[in-house]
């Protein structure tokens, strides 16, 4: 089982977030899809925190830079 598959299982075990996965060019990737207009930024940030926590200190760089910094009005 790949590290990405184990990460996906840890995330799903929390029962707080469901991600899908796919393979592109032989690499397994995890996908977070947000389609509801009622999903607000704090919920997305909580999802990213959960993913980072499940990934632990070995989180790939792509996971570290998922959310852009907030711009102030």
PDB file of N, CA and C in Angstrom:
ATOM      1  N   UNK A   1       0.852  -1.178   0.000  1.00  0.00           N
ATOM      2  CA  UNK A   1       0.000   0.000   0.000  1.00  0.00           C
ATOM      3  C   UNK A   1       0.897   1.241   0.000  1.00  0.00           C
ATOM      4  N   UNK A   2       0.565   2.198  -0.845  1.00  0.00           N
ATOM      5  CA  UNK A   2       1.385   3.409  -0.963  1.00  0.00           C
ATOM      6  C   UNK A   2       1.168   4.341   0.228  1.00  0.00           C
ATOM      7  N   UNK A   3       2.096   5.252   0.410  1.00  0.00           N
ATOM      8  CA  UNK A   3       1.982   6.250   1.487  1.00  0.00           C
ATOM      9  C   UNK A   3       0.734   7.101   1.289  1.00  0.00           C
ATOM     10  N   UNK A   4       0.412   7.430   0.034  1.00  0.00           N
ATOM     11  CA  UNK A   4      -0.786   8.228  -0.227  1.00  0.00           C
ATOM     12  C   UNK A   4      -2.052   7.467   0.150  1.00  0.00           C
ATOM     13  N   UNK A   5      -2.071   6.168  -0.114  1.00  0.00           N
ATOM     14  CA  UNK A   5      -3.231   5.351   0.239  1.00  0.00           C
ATOM     15  C   UNK A   5      -3.381   5.269   1.753  1.00  0.00           C
ATOM     16  N   UNK A   6      -2.258   5.126   2.468  1.00  0.00           N
ATOM     17  CA  UNK A   6      -2.319   5.094   3.937  1.00  0.00           C
ATOM     18  C   UNK A   6      -2.801   6.435   4.478  1.00  0.00           C
ATOM     19  N   UNK A   7      -2.335   7.536   3.876  1.00  0.00           N
ATOM     20  CA  UNK A   7      -2.799   8.861   4.286  1.00  0.00           C
ATOM     21  C   UNK A   7      -4.299   8.985   4.060  1.00  0.00           C
ATOM     22  N   UNK A   8      -4.775   8.549   2.909  1.00  0.00           N
ATOM     23  CA  UNK A   8      -6.207   8.604   2.606  1.00  0.00           C
ATOM     24  C   UNK A   8      -7.002   7.815   3.647  1.00  0.00           C
ATOM     25  N   UNK A   9      -6.521   6.658   4.026  1.00  0.00           N
ATOM     26  CA  UNK A   9      -7.209   5.852   5.034  1.00  0.00           C
ATOM     27  C   UNK A   9      -7.231   6.550   6.394  1.00  0.00           C
ATOM     28  N   UNK A  10      -6.120   7.214   6.771  1.00  0.00           N
ATOM     29  CA  UNK A  10      -6.107   7.957   8.046  1.00  0.00           C
ATOM     30  C   UNK A  10      -7.115   9.096   8.021  1.00  0.00           C
ATOM     31  N   UNK A  11      -7.200   9.790   6.900  1.00  0.00           N
ATOM     32  CA  UNK A  11      -8.157  10.898   6.786  1.00  0.00           C
ATOM     33  C   UNK A  11      -9.583  10.369   6.878  1.00  0.00           C
ATOM     34  N   UNK A  12      -9.885   9.312   6.151  1.00  0.00           N
ATOM     35  CA  UNK A  12     -11.240   8.748   6.175  1.00  0.00           C
ATOM     36  C   UNK A  12     -11.591   8.185   7.546  1.00  0.00           C
ATOM     37  N   UNK A  13     -10.603   7.699   8.288  1.00  0.00           N
ATOM     38  CA  UNK A  13     -10.848   7.141   9.615  1.00  0.00           C
ATOM     39  C   UNK A  13     -11.375   8.193  10.588  1.00  0.00           C
ATOM     40  N   UNK A  14     -11.083   9.463  10.323  1.00  0.00           N
ATOM     41  CA  UNK A  14     -11.584  10.533  11.200  1.00  0.00           C
ATOM     42  C   UNK A  14     -13.092  10.712  11.047  1.00  0.00           C
ATOM     43  N   UNK A  15     -13.628  10.271   9.914  1.00  0.00           N
ATOM     44  CA  UNK A  15     -15.059  10.407   9.584  1.00  0.00           C
ATOM     45  C   UNK A  15     -15.508  11.881   9.546  1.00  0.00           C
ATOM     46  N   UNK A  16     -14.557  12.787   9.333  1.00  0.00           N
ATOM     47  CA  UNK A  16     -14.882  14.208   9.249  1.00  0.00           C
ATOM     48  C   UNK A  16     -14.712  14.762   7.844  1.00  0.00           C
ATOM     49  N   UNK A  17     -14.032  13.985   6.976  1.00  0.00           N
ATOM     50  CA  UNK A  17     -13.683  14.477   5.652  1.00  0.00           C
ATOM     51  C   UNK A  17     -13.569  13.287   4.715  1.00  0.00           C
ATOM     52  N   UNK A  18     -14.081  13.448   3.501  1.00  0.00           N
ATOM     53  CA  UNK A  18     -13.937  12.404   2.502  1.00  0.00           C
ATOM     54  C   UNK A  18     -13.204  12.985   1.302  1.00  0.00           C
ATOM     55  N   UNK A  19     -12.096  12.364   0.959  1.00  0.00           N
ATOM     56  CA  UNK A  19     -11.341  12.747  -0.233  1.00  0.00           C
ATOM     57  C   UNK A  19     -11.455  11.621  -1.242  1.00  0.00           C
ATOM     58  N   UNK A  20     -11.335  11.964  -2.492  1.00  0.00           N
ATOM     59  CA  UNK A  20     -11.228  10.938  -3.526  1.00  0.00           C
ATOM     60  C   UNK A  20      -9.770  10.902  -3.974  1.00  0.00           C
ATOM     61  N   UNK A  21      -9.444   9.900  -4.772  1.00  0.00           N
ATOM     62  CA  UNK A  21      -8.080   9.814  -5.275  1.00  0.00           C
ATOM     63  C   UNK A  21      -8.112   9.425  -6.745  1.00  0.00           C
ATOM     64  N   UNK A  22      -7.011   9.678  -7.398  1.00  0.00           N
ATOM     65  CA  UNK A  22      -6.869   9.327  -8.804  1.00  0.00           C
ATOM     66  C   UNK A  22      -5.404   9.062  -9.100  1.00  0.00           C
ATOM     67  N   UNK A  23      -5.142   8.485 -10.235  1.00  0.00           N
ATOM     68  CA  UNK A  23      -3.763   8.281 -10.695  1.00  0.00           C
ATOM     69  C   UNK A  23      -3.544   9.106 -11.957  1.00  0.00           C
ATOM     70  N   UNK A  24      -2.470   9.874 -11.942  1.00  0.00           N
ATOM     71  CA  UNK A  24      -2.072  10.663 -13.106  1.00  0.00           C
ATOM     72  C   UNK A  24      -0.589  10.407 -13.321  1.00  0.00           C
ATOM     73  N   UNK A  25      -0.252   9.982 -14.519  1.00  0.00           N
ATOM     74  CA  UNK A  25       1.146   9.669 -14.856  1.00  0.00           C
ATOM     75  C   UNK A  25       1.776   8.730 -13.836  1.00  0.00           C
ATOM     76  N   UNK A  26       0.989   7.755 -13.360  1.00  0.00           N
ATOM     77  CA  UNK A  26       1.514   6.768 -12.423  1.00  0.00           C
ATOM     78  C   UNK A  26       1.580   7.214 -10.977  1.00  0.00           C
ATOM     79  N   UNK A  27       1.224   8.458 -10.701  1.00  0.00           N
ATOM     80  CA  UNK A  27       1.252   8.974  -9.327  1.00  0.00           C
ATOM     81  C   UNK A  27      -0.158   8.989  -8.765  1.00  0.00           C
ATOM     82  N   UNK A  28      -0.314   8.528  -7.538  1.00  0.00           N
ATOM     83  CA  UNK A  28      -1.612   8.605  -6.889  1.00  0.00           C
ATOM     84  C   UNK A  28      -1.741   9.970  -6.242  1.00  0.00           C
ATOM     85  N   UNK A  29      -2.836  10.646  -6.524  1.00  0.00           N
ATOM     86  CA  UNK A  29      -3.091  11.982  -5.982  1.00  0.00           C
ATOM     87  C   UNK A  29      -4.387  11.971  -5.204  1.00  0.00           C
ATOM     88  N   UNK A  30      -4.436  12.763  -4.151  1.00  0.00           N
ATOM     89  CA  UNK A  30      -5.654  12.912  -3.364  1.00  0.00           C
ATOM     90  C   UNK A  30      -6.362  14.181  -3.816  1.00  0.00           C
ATOM     91  N   UNK A  31      -7.713  14.112  -3.840  1.00  0.00           N
ATOM     92  CA  UNK A  31      -8.473  15.264  -4.337  1.00  0.00           C
ATOM     93  C   UNK A  31      -9.521  15.698  -3.313  1.00  0.00           C
ATOM     94  N   UNK A  32      -9.595  16.984  -3.103  1.00  0.00           N
ATOM     95  CA  UNK A  32     -10.621  17.598  -2.277  1.00  0.00           C
ATOM     96  C   UNK A  32     -11.482  18.427  -3.212  1.00  0.00           C
ATOM     97  N   UNK A  33     -12.759  18.125  -3.270  1.00  0.00           N
ATOM     98  CA  UNK A  33     -13.666  18.831  -4.172  1.00  0.00           C
ATOM     99  C   UNK A  33     -14.710  19.565  -3.347  1.00  0.00           C
ATOM    100  N   UNK A  34     -14.772  20.857  -3.516  1.00  0.00           N
ATOM    101  CA  UNK A  34     -15.734  21.693  -2.793  1.00  0.00           C
ATOM    102  C   UNK A  34     -16.644  22.325  -3.835  1.00  0.00           C
ATOM    103  N   UNK A  35     -17.899  21.920  -3.840  1.00  0.00           N
ATOM    104  CA  UNK A  35     -18.796  22.427  -4.875  1.00  0.00           C
ATOM    105  C   UNK A  35     -19.988  23.206  -4.328  1.00  0.00           C
ATOM    106  N   UNK A  36     -20.193  23.145  -3.028  1.00  0.00           N
ATOM    107  CA  UNK A  36     -21.338  23.851  -2.461  1.00  0.00           C
ATOM    108  C   UNK A  36     -21.020  25.333  -2.269  1.00  0.00           C
ATOM    109  N   UNK A  37     -21.921  26.176  -2.703  1.00  0.00           N
ATOM    110  CA  UNK A  37     -21.739  27.615  -2.497  1.00  0.00           C
ATOM    111  C   UNK A  37     -21.869  27.982  -1.020  1.00  0.00           C
ATOM    112  N   UNK A  38     -22.323  27.039  -0.204  1.00  0.00           N
ATOM    113  CA  UNK A  38     -22.468  27.284   1.234  1.00  0.00           C
ATOM    114  C   UNK A  38     -21.240  26.873   2.028  1.00  0.00           C
ATOM    115  N   UNK A  39     -20.233  26.371   1.354  1.00  0.00           N
ATOM    116  CA  UNK A  39     -18.976  26.020   2.021  1.00  0.00           C
ATOM    117  C   UNK A  39     -18.144  27.285   2.147  1.00  0.00           C
ATOM    118  N   UNK A  40     -17.814  27.632   3.376  1.00  0.00           N
ATOM    119  CA  UNK A  40     -17.066  28.855   3.630  1.00  0.00           C
ATOM    120  C   UNK A  40     -15.600  28.538   3.924  1.00  0.00           C
ATOM    121  N   UNK A  41     -14.790  29.541   3.806  1.00  0.00           N
ATOM    122  CA  UNK A  41     -13.340  29.395   3.981  1.00  0.00           C
ATOM    123  C   UNK A  41     -12.955  28.683   5.282  1.00  0.00           C
ATOM    124  N   UNK A  42     -13.564  28.982   6.441  1.00  0.00           N
ATOM    125  CA  UNK A  42     -13.174  28.275   7.669  1.00  0.00           C
ATOM    126  C   UNK A  42     -13.335  26.749   7.554  1.00  0.00           C
ATOM    127  N   UNK A  43     -14.334  26.283   6.844  1.00  0.00           N
ATOM    128  CA  UNK A  43     -14.519  24.837   6.664  1.00  0.00           C
ATOM    129  C   UNK A  43     -13.406  24.258   5.798  1.00  0.00           C
ATOM    130  N   UNK A  44     -13.003  24.990   4.772  1.00  0.00           N
ATOM    131  CA  UNK A  44     -11.914  24.534   3.907  1.00  0.00           C
ATOM    132  C   UNK A  44     -10.606  24.543   4.687  1.00  0.00           C
ATOM    133  N   UNK A  45     -10.371  25.586   5.473  1.00  0.00           N
ATOM    134  CA  UNK A  45      -9.159  25.649   6.288  1.00  0.00           C
ATOM    135  C   UNK A  45      -9.113  24.499   7.290  1.00  0.00           C
ATOM    136  N   UNK A  46     -10.271  24.143   7.879  1.00  0.00           N
ATOM    137  CA  UNK A  46     -10.330  23.013   8.811  1.00  0.00           C
ATOM    138  C   UNK A  46      -9.990  21.712   8.090  1.00  0.00           C
ATOM    139  N   UNK A  47     -10.459  21.564   6.861  1.00  0.00           N
ATOM    140  CA  UNK A  47     -10.141  20.371   6.068  1.00  0.00           C
ATOM    141  C   UNK A  47      -8.646  20.289   5.796  1.00  0.00           C
ATOM    142  N   UNK A  48      -8.040  21.406   5.453  1.00  0.00           N
ATOM    143  CA  UNK A  48      -6.597  21.425   5.185  1.00  0.00           C
ATOM    144  C   UNK A  48      -5.825  21.090   6.462  1.00  0.00           C
ATOM    145  N   UNK A  49      -6.255  21.617   7.605  1.00  0.00           N
ATOM    146  CA  UNK A  49      -5.596  21.291   8.879  1.00  0.00           C
ATOM    147  C   UNK A  49      -5.687  19.794   9.158  1.00  0.00           C
ATOM    148  N   UNK A  50      -6.856  19.206   8.916  1.00  0.00           N
ATOM    149  CA  UNK A  50      -7.040  17.776   9.139  1.00  0.00           C
ATOM    150  C   UNK A  50      -6.103  16.972   8.233  1.00  0.00           C
ATOM    151  N   UNK A  51      -5.990  17.362   6.977  1.00  0.00           N
ATOM    152  CA  UNK A  51      -5.098  16.676   6.035  1.00  0.00           C
ATOM    153  C   UNK A  51      -3.655  16.796   6.504  1.00  0.00           C
ATOM    154  N   UNK A  52      -3.250  17.981   6.900  1.00  0.00           N
ATOM    155  CA  UNK A  52      -1.873  18.186   7.376  1.00  0.00           C
ATOM    156  C   UNK A  52      -1.600  17.369   8.630  1.00  0.00           C
ATOM    157  N   UNK A  53      -2.556  17.330   9.548  1.00  0.00           N
ATOM    158  CA  UNK A  53      -2.394  16.549  10.775  1.00  0.00           C
ATOM    159  C   UNK A  53      -2.253  15.070  10.440  1.00  0.00           C
ATOM    160  N   UNK A  54      -3.097  14.565   9.546  1.00  0.00           N
ATOM    161  CA  UNK A  54      -3.023  13.156   9.148  1.00  0.00           C
ATOM    162  C   UNK A  54      -1.704  12.853   8.450  1.00  0.00           C
ATOM    163  N   UNK A  55      -1.177  13.834   7.709  1.00  0.00           N
ATOM    164  CA  UNK A  55       0.084  13.641   6.992  1.00  0.00           C
ATOM    165  C   UNK A  55       1.278  13.691   7.935  1.00  0.00           C
ATOM    166  N   UNK A  56       1.135  14.359   9.069  1.00  0.00           N
ATOM    167  CA  UNK A  56       2.231  14.470  10.019  1.00  0.00           C
ATOM    168  C   UNK A  56       3.337  15.354   9.486  1.00  0.00           C
ATOM    169  N   UNK A  57       4.503  15.201  10.031  1.00  0.00           N
ATOM    170  CA  UNK A  57       5.621  16.067   9.649  1.00  0.00           C
ATOM    171  C   UNK A  57       6.145  15.743   8.261  1.00  0.00           C
ATOM    172  N   UNK A  58       5.737  14.594   7.692  1.00  0.00           N
ATOM    173  CA  UNK A  58       6.219  14.223   6.375  1.00  0.00           C
ATOM    174  C   UNK A  58       5.322  14.709   5.258  1.00  0.00           C
ATOM    175  N   UNK A  59       4.513  15.734   5.524  1.00  0.00           N
ATOM    176  CA  UNK A  59       3.599  16.232   4.494  1.00  0.00           C
ATOM    177  C   UNK A  59       4.386  16.758   3.304  1.00  0.00           C
ATOM    178  N   UNK A  60       3.958  16.381   2.093  1.00  0.00           N
ATOM    179  CA  UNK A  60       4.655  16.879   0.911  1.00  0.00           C
ATOM    180  C   UNK A  60       4.490  18.383   0.761  1.00  0.00           C
ATOM    181  N   UNK A  61       5.383  19.005   0.026  1.00  0.00           N
ATOM    182  CA  UNK A  61       5.349  20.458  -0.163  1.00  0.00           C
ATOM    183  C   UNK A  61       4.003  20.908  -0.716  1.00  0.00           C
ATOM    184  N   UNK A  62       3.401  20.121  -1.598  1.00  0.00           N
ATOM    185  CA  UNK A  62       2.105  20.502  -2.182  1.00  0.00           C
ATOM    186  C   UNK A  62       1.040  20.605  -1.105  1.00  0.00           C
ATOM    187  N   UNK A  63       1.120  19.765  -0.093  1.00  0.00           N
ATOM    188  CA  UNK A  63       0.150  19.801   1.001  1.00  0.00           C
ATOM    189  C   UNK A  63       0.404  21.013   1.887  1.00  0.00           C
ATOM    190  N   UNK A  64       1.643  21.442   1.976  1.00  0.00           N
ATOM    191  CA  UNK A  64       1.997  22.564   2.829  1.00  0.00           C
ATOM    192  C   UNK A  64       1.501  23.894   2.268  1.00  0.00           C
ATOM    193  N   UNK A  65       1.271  23.967   0.972  1.00  0.00           N
ATOM    194  CA  UNK A  65       0.941  25.249   0.346  1.00  0.00           C
ATOM    195  C   UNK A  65      -0.430  25.229  -0.317  1.00  0.00           C
ATOM    196  N   UNK A  66      -1.372  24.523   0.278  1.00  0.00           N
ATOM    197  CA  UNK A  66      -2.687  24.374  -0.337  1.00  0.00           C
ATOM    198  C   UNK A  66      -3.482  25.670  -0.300  1.00  0.00           C
ATOM    199  N   UNK A  67      -3.512  26.330   0.846  1.00  0.00           N
ATOM    200  CA  UNK A  67      -4.354  27.515   0.999  1.00  0.00           C
ATOM    201  C   UNK A  67      -3.548  28.795   0.818  1.00  0.00           C
ATOM    202  N   UNK A  68      -4.013  29.673  -0.050  1.00  0.00           N
ATOM    203  CA  UNK A  68      -3.335  30.966  -0.192  1.00  0.00           C
ATOM    204  C   UNK A  68      -3.584  31.809   1.060  1.00  0.00           C
ATOM    205  N   UNK A  69      -2.697  32.734   1.317  1.00  0.00           N
ATOM    206  CA  UNK A  69      -2.883  33.617   2.467  1.00  0.00           C
ATOM    207  C   UNK A  69      -4.061  34.540   2.216  1.00  0.00           C
ATOM    208  N   UNK A  70      -4.719  34.874   3.305  1.00  0.00           N
ATOM    209  CA  UNK A  70      -5.865  35.793   3.190  1.00  0.00           C
ATOM    210  C   UNK A  70      -5.403  37.181   2.809  1.00  0.00           C
ATOM    211  N   UNK A  71      -6.151  37.781   1.943  1.00  0.00           N
ATOM    212  CA  UNK A  71      -5.880  39.183   1.635  1.00  0.00           C
ATOM    213  C   UNK A  71      -6.820  40.033   2.472  1.00  0.00           C
ATOM    214  N   UNK A  72      -6.348  41.118   2.921  1.00  0.00           N
ATOM    215  CA  UNK A  72      -7.174  41.990   3.760  1.00  0.00           C
ATOM    216  C   UNK A  72      -7.877  43.018   2.882  1.00  0.00           C
ATOM    217  N   UNK A  73      -9.168  43.241   3.169  1.00  0.00           N
ATOM    218  CA  UNK A  73      -9.906  44.238   2.352  1.00  0.00           C
ATOM    219  C   UNK A  73      -9.396  45.652   2.553  1.00  0.00           C
TER     220      UNK A  73
END
